[in-house]
Amino acid sequence: MATTIQVSEVTRQLLERVKEKQKAKTFDIVIQTMARNEIKVPVSMRGSLKWRKWNKSRTGSNLV
């Protein structure tokens, strides 16, 4: 399911530059990479996270 988010033109340009640097196919991949790095998800867990349902009370959101 796709979701639209609104970002400023400056943010879009920054994301575009990161996308080119990472040779990523989509902005989604760029954002996921930055988010994973921010919460310091170990590389060994990255494949399993898409199946894990997070407890809303612990994280404040419902990440999948």
N, C-alpha and C. Protein backbone atom coordinates (compact mmCIF):
# COMPACT_ATOMS: atom_id res chain seq x y z
N MET A 1 0.83 -1.17 0.00
CA MET A 1 0.00 0.00 0.00
C MET A 1 0.88 1.25 0.00
N ALA A 2 0.73 2.09 -0.96
CA ALA A 2 1.53 3.30 -1.09
C ALA A 2 0.90 4.44 -0.28
N THR A 3 1.76 5.28 0.26
CA THR A 3 1.33 6.45 1.00
C THR A 3 2.07 7.65 0.44
N THR A 4 1.38 8.74 0.29
CA THR A 4 1.99 9.96 -0.20
C THR A 4 2.41 10.81 1.00
N ILE A 5 3.64 11.33 0.95
CA ILE A 5 4.09 12.25 1.99
C ILE A 5 4.51 13.55 1.33
N GLN A 6 4.32 14.64 2.05
CA GLN A 6 4.67 15.94 1.51
C GLN A 6 6.00 16.38 2.10
N VAL A 7 6.93 16.76 1.23
CA VAL A 7 8.23 17.28 1.65
C VAL A 7 8.51 18.56 0.89
N SER A 8 9.37 19.38 1.45
CA SER A 8 9.74 20.62 0.76
C SER A 8 10.60 20.29 -0.46
N GLU A 9 10.74 21.26 -1.33
CA GLU A 9 11.57 21.08 -2.53
C GLU A 9 13.02 20.81 -2.14
N VAL A 10 13.51 21.47 -1.11
CA VAL A 10 14.89 21.26 -0.66
C VAL A 10 15.06 19.81 -0.19
N THR A 11 14.10 19.29 0.56
CA THR A 11 14.17 17.90 1.04
C THR A 11 14.14 16.94 -0.14
N ARG A 12 13.30 17.20 -1.12
CA ARG A 12 13.24 16.33 -2.30
C ARG A 12 14.57 16.32 -3.03
N GLN A 13 15.20 17.49 -3.15
CA GLN A 13 16.50 17.56 -3.81
C GLN A 13 17.57 16.80 -3.03
N LEU A 14 17.54 16.92 -1.70
CA LEU A 14 18.48 16.17 -0.88
C LEU A 14 18.27 14.66 -1.04
N LEU A 15 17.02 14.23 -1.01
CA LEU A 15 16.72 12.81 -1.20
C LEU A 15 17.17 12.33 -2.58
N GLU A 16 17.01 13.16 -3.57
CA GLU A 16 17.44 12.81 -4.93
C GLU A 16 18.96 12.61 -4.97
N ARG A 17 19.70 13.48 -4.30
CA ARG A 17 21.16 13.35 -4.29
C ARG A 17 21.60 12.09 -3.55
N VAL A 18 20.93 11.79 -2.43
CA VAL A 18 21.26 10.57 -1.69
C VAL A 18 20.91 9.35 -2.53
N LYS A 19 19.79 9.41 -3.21
CA LYS A 19 19.35 8.30 -4.08
C LYS A 19 20.40 8.02 -5.16
N GLU A 20 20.91 9.07 -5.77
CA GLU A 20 21.95 8.91 -6.80
C GLU A 20 23.23 8.36 -6.19
N LYS A 21 23.63 8.88 -5.03
CA LYS A 21 24.86 8.42 -4.38
C LYS A 21 24.78 6.95 -4.00
N GLN A 22 23.61 6.52 -3.49
CA GLN A 22 23.42 5.13 -3.09
C GLN A 22 23.07 4.22 -4.26
N LYS A 23 22.82 4.84 -5.42
CA LYS A 23 22.37 4.10 -6.60
C LYS A 23 21.10 3.31 -6.29
N ALA A 24 20.24 3.95 -5.50
CA ALA A 24 18.97 3.33 -5.11
C ALA A 24 17.95 3.54 -6.23
N LYS A 25 17.01 2.61 -6.32
CA LYS A 25 16.00 2.70 -7.36
C LYS A 25 14.85 3.64 -6.98
N THR A 26 14.57 3.74 -5.68
CA THR A 26 13.41 4.53 -5.25
C THR A 26 13.75 5.37 -4.02
N PHE A 27 12.92 6.38 -3.78
CA PHE A 27 13.04 7.17 -2.56
C PHE A 27 12.71 6.31 -1.35
N ASP A 28 11.81 5.36 -1.51
CA ASP A 28 11.43 4.47 -0.43
C ASP A 28 12.65 3.74 0.12
N ILE A 29 13.50 3.26 -0.76
CA ILE A 29 14.71 2.55 -0.34
C ILE A 29 15.63 3.51 0.42
N VAL A 30 15.76 4.74 -0.06
CA VAL A 30 16.61 5.74 0.59
C VAL A 30 16.09 6.02 2.00
N ILE A 31 14.79 6.23 2.13
CA ILE A 31 14.20 6.56 3.43
C ILE A 31 14.32 5.38 4.38
N GLN A 32 14.08 4.16 3.89
CA GLN A 32 14.22 2.97 4.74
C GLN A 32 15.65 2.83 5.25
N THR A 33 16.62 3.06 4.38
CA THR A 33 18.03 2.96 4.77
C THR A 33 18.36 3.98 5.86
N MET A 34 17.90 5.21 5.68
CA MET A 34 18.16 6.24 6.69
C MET A 34 17.47 5.91 8.01
N ALA A 35 16.24 5.42 7.95
CA ALA A 35 15.51 5.09 9.17
C ALA A 35 16.17 3.92 9.90
N ARG A 36 16.57 2.91 9.17
CA ARG A 36 17.25 1.76 9.79
C ARG A 36 18.55 2.18 10.45
N ASN A 37 19.29 3.05 9.79
CA ASN A 37 20.54 3.54 10.37
C ASN A 37 20.27 4.38 11.62
N GLU A 38 19.21 5.14 11.62
CA GLU A 38 18.87 6.00 12.75
C GLU A 38 18.51 5.18 13.98
N ILE A 39 17.76 4.10 13.79
CA ILE A 39 17.38 3.28 14.95
C ILE A 39 18.35 2.14 15.17
N LYS A 40 19.40 2.12 14.36
CA LYS A 40 20.51 1.17 14.49
C LYS A 40 20.06 -0.28 14.48
N VAL A 41 19.31 -0.63 13.45
CA VAL A 41 18.87 -2.01 13.26
C VAL A 41 20.06 -2.81 12.76
N PRO A 42 20.43 -3.89 13.46
CA PRO A 42 21.55 -4.71 12.99
C PRO A 42 21.25 -5.31 11.62
N VAL A 43 22.27 -5.39 10.79
CA VAL A 43 22.12 -5.95 9.45
C VAL A 43 21.49 -7.33 9.51
N SER A 44 21.84 -8.11 10.53
CA SER A 44 21.32 -9.47 10.64
C SER A 44 19.82 -9.52 10.86
N MET A 45 19.21 -8.42 11.34
CA MET A 45 17.77 -8.41 11.61
C MET A 45 16.97 -7.77 10.48
N ARG A 46 17.60 -7.13 9.55
CA ARG A 46 16.87 -6.35 8.55
C ARG A 46 15.90 -7.17 7.73
N GLY A 47 16.24 -8.38 7.39
CA GLY A 47 15.33 -9.21 6.61
C GLY A 47 14.11 -9.65 7.40
N SER A 48 14.25 -9.80 8.71
CA SER A 48 13.15 -10.29 9.53
C SER A 48 12.20 -9.19 9.96
N LEU A 49 12.62 -7.94 9.91
CA LEU A 49 11.78 -6.86 10.39
C LEU A 49 10.49 -6.70 9.60
N LYS A 50 10.50 -7.02 8.33
CA LYS A 50 9.29 -6.81 7.54
C LYS A 50 8.16 -7.73 8.01
N TRP A 51 8.49 -8.79 8.73
CA TRP A 51 7.47 -9.72 9.21
C TRP A 51 7.07 -9.45 10.65
N ARG A 52 7.85 -8.68 11.36
CA ARG A 52 7.59 -8.45 12.78
C ARG A 52 6.54 -7.37 12.98
N LYS A 53 5.60 -7.63 13.84
CA LYS A 53 4.61 -6.61 14.20
C LYS A 53 5.04 -6.01 15.52
N TRP A 54 5.26 -4.71 15.51
CA TRP A 54 5.76 -4.03 16.70
C TRP A 54 4.61 -3.72 17.63
N ASN A 55 4.89 -3.75 18.91
CA ASN A 55 3.93 -3.43 19.95
C ASN A 55 3.76 -1.91 19.98
N LYS A 56 2.54 -1.43 19.71
CA LYS A 56 2.30 0.02 19.66
C LYS A 56 2.65 0.71 20.96
N SER A 57 2.37 0.07 22.09
CA SER A 57 2.62 0.71 23.37
C SER A 57 4.12 0.90 23.63
N ARG A 58 4.97 0.06 23.05
CA ARG A 58 6.41 0.18 23.27
C ARG A 58 7.06 1.17 22.33
N THR A 59 6.61 1.27 21.09
CA THR A 59 7.30 2.08 20.10
C THR A 59 6.55 3.37 19.76
N GLY A 60 5.27 3.43 20.07
CA GLY A 60 4.50 4.61 19.72
C GLY A 60 4.01 4.60 18.29
N SER A 61 4.32 3.56 17.54
CA SER A 61 3.86 3.46 16.16
C SER A 61 3.72 1.99 15.80
N ASN A 62 3.16 1.74 14.65
CA ASN A 62 2.96 0.37 14.21
C ASN A 62 3.86 0.11 13.00
N LEU A 63 5.13 -0.15 13.26
CA LEU A 63 6.08 -0.41 12.19
C LEU A 63 6.00 -1.85 11.76
N VAL A 64 6.09 -2.10 10.48
CA VAL A 64 6.11 -3.48 9.98
C VAL A 64 7.36 -3.69 9.18
